[in-house]
């Protein structure tokens, strides 16, 4: 199963593709979708949507996972981030993909073992869990962590549905 992880941001949205084969995770690719800060908000959201759609078209994931938005101290920034997240959620949904959503603490817990892990710890564990993976940016590493979290949660849900059988 191929999973697209997405770490939404208005300026930069990270993406990461992994494949889960049994309990093995394979890094397929990662990168970022950028919007032009000099453009109006509607155009920036369109840029994000088109960028995520292009990633989906190129990599053909089976499912997607998106990190939930945290609340900033600045309400305007939180609102803009929420709008970017909505666009990032919409792109895989329009492509017919199931989309999982995970809080940042859940992602950190799944990847590092602690919901309060630092960004550097997440990046280090992503590289350890995906041998040969060298994410180009912290946003891409975060997106890979979201994909890993989804793969772990999905595998657990399948085991529960099967009654714990292998």
C-alpha atoms as a PDB file:
ATOM      1  CA  UNK A   1       0.000   0.000   0.000  1.00  0.00           C
ATOM      2  CA  UNK A   2       1.373   3.420  -1.003  1.00  0.00           C
ATOM      3  CA  UNK A   3       0.724   6.240   1.461  1.00  0.00           C
ATOM      4  CA  UNK A   4       1.064   9.952   0.772  1.00  0.00           C
ATOM      5  CA  UNK A   5       1.814  11.971   3.901  1.00  0.00           C
ATOM      6  CA  UNK A   6       1.100  15.697   3.834  1.00  0.00           C
ATOM      7  CA  UNK A   7       2.289  18.407   6.220  1.00  0.00           C
ATOM      8  CA  UNK A   8       0.156  21.443   5.283  1.00  0.00           C
ATOM      9  CA  UNK A   9       1.431  24.987   5.304  1.00  0.00           C
ATOM     10  CA  UNK A  10       0.437  28.063   3.337  1.00  0.00           C
ATOM     11  CA  UNK A  11       3.993  28.912   2.310  1.00  0.00           C
ATOM     12  CA  UNK A  12       5.350  25.346   2.122  1.00  0.00           C
ATOM     13  CA  UNK A  13       3.451  22.059   2.200  1.00  0.00           C
ATOM     14  CA  UNK A  14       5.624  19.003   2.690  1.00  0.00           C
ATOM     15  CA  UNK A  15       4.820  15.682   1.041  1.00  0.00           C
ATOM     16  CA  UNK A  16       6.262  12.214   1.484  1.00  0.00           C
ATOM     17  CA  UNK A  17       5.480   8.911  -0.233  1.00  0.00           C
ATOM     18  CA  UNK A  18       6.096   5.551   1.387  1.00  0.00           C
ATOM     19  CA  UNK A  19       5.078   2.008   0.638  1.00  0.00           C
ATOM     20  CA  UNK A  20       4.047  -0.344   3.426  1.00  0.00           C
ATOM     21  CA  UNK A  21       4.745  -3.984   2.616  1.00  0.00           C
ATOM     22  CA  UNK A  22       3.814  -6.083   5.630  1.00  0.00           C
ATOM     23  CA  UNK A  23       5.686  -4.445   8.500  1.00  0.00           C
ATOM     24  CA  UNK A  24       8.359  -3.010   6.195  1.00  0.00           C
ATOM     25  CA  UNK A  25       8.302   0.651   5.145  1.00  0.00           C
ATOM     26  CA  UNK A  26       9.949   1.809   1.928  1.00  0.00           C
ATOM     27  CA  UNK A  27      10.730   5.424   1.064  1.00  0.00           C
ATOM     28  CA  UNK A  28       9.499   6.290  -2.426  1.00  0.00           C
ATOM     29  CA  UNK A  29       9.899  10.052  -2.567  1.00  0.00           C
ATOM     30  CA  UNK A  30       9.456  13.373  -0.828  1.00  0.00           C
ATOM     31  CA  UNK A  31       9.412  17.072  -1.506  1.00  0.00           C
ATOM     32  CA  UNK A  32       7.499  20.277  -1.027  1.00  0.00           C
ATOM     33  CA  UNK A  33       4.802  22.297  -2.748  1.00  0.00           C
ATOM     34  CA  UNK A  34       5.371  26.036  -2.452  1.00  0.00           C
ATOM     35  CA  UNK A  35       3.042  28.961  -2.882  1.00  0.00           C
ATOM     36  CA  UNK A  36       4.156  32.411  -3.934  1.00  0.00           C
ATOM     37  CA  UNK A  37       3.936  34.721  -0.900  1.00  0.00           C
ATOM     38  CA  UNK A  38       3.532  37.741  -3.213  1.00  0.00           C
ATOM     39  CA  UNK A  39       0.273  36.428  -4.655  1.00  0.00           C
ATOM     40  CA  UNK A  40      -3.266  36.875  -3.227  1.00  0.00           C
ATOM     41  CA  UNK A  41      -4.491  34.180  -0.839  1.00  0.00           C
ATOM     42  CA  UNK A  42      -6.843  32.566  -3.383  1.00  0.00           C
ATOM     43  CA  UNK A  43      -3.997  32.119  -5.873  1.00  0.00           C
ATOM     44  CA  UNK A  44      -1.719  30.682  -3.194  1.00  0.00           C
ATOM     45  CA  UNK A  45      -4.392  28.147  -2.253  1.00  0.00           C
ATOM     46  CA  UNK A  46      -4.784  27.253  -5.930  1.00  0.00           C
ATOM     47  CA  UNK A  47      -1.007  26.744  -6.183  1.00  0.00           C
ATOM     48  CA  UNK A  48      -1.101  24.360  -3.220  1.00  0.00           C
ATOM     49  CA  UNK A  49      -4.072  22.451  -4.645  1.00  0.00           C
ATOM     50  CA  UNK A  50      -2.462  22.083  -8.057  1.00  0.00           C
ATOM     51  CA  UNK A  51       0.851  21.053  -6.506  1.00  0.00           C
ATOM     52  CA  UNK A  52      -0.708  18.332  -4.350  1.00  0.00           C
ATOM     53  CA  UNK A  53      -2.798  17.129  -7.311  1.00  0.00           C
ATOM     54  CA  UNK A  54       0.407  16.848  -9.375  1.00  0.00           C
ATOM     55  CA  UNK A  55       2.066  14.762  -6.635  1.00  0.00           C
ATOM     56  CA  UNK A  56      -0.974  12.468  -6.524  1.00  0.00           C
ATOM     57  CA  UNK A  57      -0.975  12.120 -10.334  1.00  0.00           C
ATOM     58  CA  UNK A  58       2.743  11.293 -10.408  1.00  0.00           C
ATOM     59  CA  UNK A  59       2.920   8.870  -7.459  1.00  0.00           C
ATOM     60  CA  UNK A  60      -0.583   7.275  -7.509  1.00  0.00           C
ATOM     61  CA  UNK A  61      -0.944   6.698  -3.748  1.00  0.00           C
ATOM     62  CA  UNK A  62      -3.548   4.292  -2.346  1.00  0.00           C
ATOM     63  CA  UNK A  63      -4.292   6.470   0.696  1.00  0.00           C
ATOM     64  CA  UNK A  64      -3.287   9.824   2.124  1.00  0.00           C
ATOM     65  CA  UNK A  65      -2.695  11.223   5.598  1.00  0.00           C
ATOM     66  CA  UNK A  66      -2.660  14.862   6.707  1.00  0.00           C
ATOM     67  CA  UNK A  67      -1.335  16.401   9.890  1.00  0.00           C
ATOM     68  CA  UNK A  68      -3.899  18.371  11.884  1.00  0.00           C
ATOM     69  CA  UNK A  69      -3.424  22.078  12.361  1.00  0.00           C
ATOM     70  CA  UNK A  70      -2.067  23.394  15.617  1.00  0.00           C
ATOM     71  CA  UNK A  71      -3.344  26.689  16.975  1.00  0.00           C
ATOM     72  CA  UNK A  72      -0.955  29.638  16.707  1.00  0.00           C
ATOM     73  CA  UNK A  73      -0.979  32.621  19.011  1.00  0.00           C
ATOM     74  CA  UNK A  74      -1.832  34.734  15.965  1.00  0.00           C
ATOM     75  CA  UNK A  75      -5.482  34.100  14.957  1.00  0.00           C
ATOM     76  CA  UNK A  76      -4.917  35.360  11.401  1.00  0.00           C
ATOM     77  CA  UNK A  77      -2.031  32.904  10.871  1.00  0.00           C
ATOM     78  CA  UNK A  78      -4.133  30.078  12.309  1.00  0.00           C
ATOM     79  CA  UNK A  79      -6.990  30.906   9.929  1.00  0.00           C
ATOM     80  CA  UNK A  80      -4.682  30.977   6.886  1.00  0.00           C
ATOM     81  CA  UNK A  81      -3.078  27.690   7.928  1.00  0.00           C
ATOM     82  CA  UNK A  82      -6.543  26.183   8.320  1.00  0.00           C
ATOM     83  CA  UNK A  83      -7.440  27.278   4.800  1.00  0.00           C
ATOM     84  CA  UNK A  84      -4.248  25.733   3.435  1.00  0.00           C
ATOM     85  CA  UNK A  85      -5.001  22.527   5.340  1.00  0.00           C
ATOM     86  CA  UNK A  86      -8.500  22.450   3.840  1.00  0.00           C
ATOM     87  CA  UNK A  87      -7.059  22.650   0.326  1.00  0.00           C
ATOM     88  CA  UNK A  88      -4.497  19.947   1.157  1.00  0.00           C
ATOM     89  CA  UNK A  89      -7.282  17.691   2.509  1.00  0.00           C
ATOM     90  CA  UNK A  90      -9.451  18.352  -0.536  1.00  0.00           C
ATOM     91  CA  UNK A  91      -6.925  17.324  -3.191  1.00  0.00           C
ATOM     92  CA  UNK A  92      -6.650  13.623  -2.189  1.00  0.00           C
ATOM     93  CA  UNK A  93     -10.363  13.456  -1.365  1.00  0.00           C
ATOM     94  CA  UNK A  94     -11.217  14.661  -4.887  1.00  0.00           C
ATOM     95  CA  UNK A  95      -8.850  11.984  -6.227  1.00  0.00           C
ATOM     96  CA  UNK A  96     -10.958   9.365  -4.421  1.00  0.00           C
ATOM     97  CA  UNK A  97      -8.373   8.565  -1.746  1.00  0.00           C
ATOM     98  CA  UNK A  98      -9.191   7.737   1.859  1.00  0.00           C
ATOM     99  CA  UNK A  99      -7.617  10.467   3.994  1.00  0.00           C
ATOM    100  CA  UNK A 100      -6.454   9.965   7.576  1.00  0.00           C
ATOM    101  CA  UNK A 101      -5.911  12.915   9.900  1.00  0.00           C
ATOM    102  CA  UNK A 102      -3.430  12.897  12.787  1.00  0.00           C
ATOM    103  CA  UNK A 103      -2.522  15.345  15.523  1.00  0.00           C
ATOM    104  CA  UNK A 104       1.143  16.323  15.655  1.00  0.00           C
ATOM    105  CA  UNK A 105       1.503  14.585  19.028  1.00  0.00           C
ATOM    106  CA  UNK A 106       0.140  11.333  17.542  1.00  0.00           C
ATOM    107  CA  UNK A 107       2.603  11.538  14.660  1.00  0.00           C
ATOM    108  CA  UNK A 108       5.508  12.103  17.048  1.00  0.00           C
ATOM    109  CA  UNK A 109       4.312   9.265  19.289  1.00  0.00           C
ATOM    110  CA  UNK A 110       4.112   6.856  16.334  1.00  0.00           C
ATOM    111  CA  UNK A 111       7.531   7.774  14.937  1.00  0.00           C
ATOM    112  CA  UNK A 112       9.631   8.658  17.992  1.00  0.00           C
ATOM    113  CA  UNK A 113       7.709   7.117  20.888  1.00  0.00           C
ATOM    114  CA  UNK A 114       7.055  10.473  22.564  1.00  0.00           C
ATOM    115  CA  UNK A 115       4.337  12.969  21.677  1.00  0.00           C
ATOM    116  CA  UNK A 116       6.616  15.801  22.780  1.00  0.00           C
ATOM    117  CA  UNK A 117       9.593  14.906  20.585  1.00  0.00           C
ATOM    118  CA  UNK A 118      11.608  17.695  18.981  1.00  0.00           C
ATOM    119  CA  UNK A 119      11.562  18.254  15.211  1.00  0.00           C
ATOM    120  CA  UNK A 120      15.160  17.002  15.001  1.00  0.00           C
ATOM    121  CA  UNK A 121      14.219  13.734  16.706  1.00  0.00           C
ATOM    122  CA  UNK A 122      11.386  13.196  14.238  1.00  0.00           C
ATOM    123  CA  UNK A 123      13.737  13.760  11.295  1.00  0.00           C
ATOM    124  CA  UNK A 124      16.319  11.371  12.735  1.00  0.00           C
ATOM    125  CA  UNK A 125      13.731   8.631  13.281  1.00  0.00           C
ATOM    126  CA  UNK A 126      12.291   9.106   9.787  1.00  0.00           C
ATOM    127  CA  UNK A 127      15.787   8.473   8.377  1.00  0.00           C
ATOM    128  CA  UNK A 128      16.167   5.413  10.627  1.00  0.00           C
ATOM    129  CA  UNK A 129      12.738   3.950   9.799  1.00  0.00           C
ATOM    130  CA  UNK A 130      13.186   4.553   6.069  1.00  0.00           C
ATOM    131  CA  UNK A 131      16.720   3.351   5.233  1.00  0.00           C
ATOM    132  CA  UNK A 132      18.400   5.404   2.536  1.00  0.00           C
ATOM    133  CA  UNK A 133      15.943   8.264   2.989  1.00  0.00           C
ATOM    134  CA  UNK A 134      17.433  11.750   3.142  1.00  0.00           C
ATOM    135  CA  UNK A 135      14.477  14.163   3.111  1.00  0.00           C
ATOM    136  CA  UNK A 136      15.274  17.419   1.364  1.00  0.00           C
ATOM    137  CA  UNK A 137      13.568  19.646   3.948  1.00  0.00           C
ATOM    138  CA  UNK A 138      12.111  19.503   7.458  1.00  0.00           C
ATOM    139  CA  UNK A 139       8.642  19.868   5.896  1.00  0.00           C
ATOM    140  CA  UNK A 140       9.228  16.769   3.748  1.00  0.00           C
ATOM    141  CA  UNK A 141      10.529  14.850   6.797  1.00  0.00           C
ATOM    142  CA  UNK A 142       7.396  15.841   8.722  1.00  0.00           C
ATOM    143  CA  UNK A 143       5.219  14.637   5.835  1.00  0.00           C
ATOM    144  CA  UNK A 144       7.059  11.297   5.795  1.00  0.00           C
ATOM    145  CA  UNK A 145       6.423  11.046   9.547  1.00  0.00           C
ATOM    146  CA  UNK A 146       2.687  11.559   8.892  1.00  0.00           C
ATOM    147  CA  UNK A 147       2.779   8.764   6.298  1.00  0.00           C
ATOM    148  CA  UNK A 148       4.616   6.455   8.739  1.00  0.00           C
ATOM    149  CA  UNK A 149       2.041   7.238  11.445  1.00  0.00           C
ATOM    150  CA  UNK A 150      -0.784   6.380   9.044  1.00  0.00           C
ATOM    151  CA  UNK A 151       0.875   3.117   8.004  1.00  0.00           C
ATOM    152  CA  UNK A 152       1.277   2.094  11.672  1.00  0.00           C
ATOM    153  CA  UNK A 153      -2.304   3.015  12.566  1.00  0.00           C
ATOM    154  CA  UNK A 154      -3.652   1.243   9.479  1.00  0.00           C
ATOM    155  CA  UNK A 155      -1.660  -1.921  10.235  1.00  0.00           C
ATOM    156  CA  UNK A 156      -2.966  -1.945  13.809  1.00  0.00           C
ATOM    157  CA  UNK A 157      -6.552  -1.440  12.650  1.00  0.00           C
ATOM    158  CA  UNK A 158      -6.194  -4.342  10.191  1.00  0.00           C
ATOM    159  CA  UNK A 159      -4.874  -6.634  12.930  1.00  0.00           C
ATOM    160  CA  UNK A 160      -7.736  -5.700  15.222  1.00  0.00           C
ATOM    161  CA  UNK A 161     -10.244  -6.316  12.399  1.00  0.00           C
ATOM    162  CA  UNK A 162      -8.687  -9.731  11.814  1.00  0.00           C
ATOM    163  CA  UNK A 163      -8.905 -10.588  15.483  1.00  0.00           C
ATOM    164  CA  UNK A 164      -5.160 -10.289  16.048  1.00  0.00           C
ATOM    165  CA  UNK A 165      -4.283 -12.984  13.484  1.00  0.00           C
ATOM    166  CA  UNK A 166      -1.200 -12.504  11.319  1.00  0.00           C
END
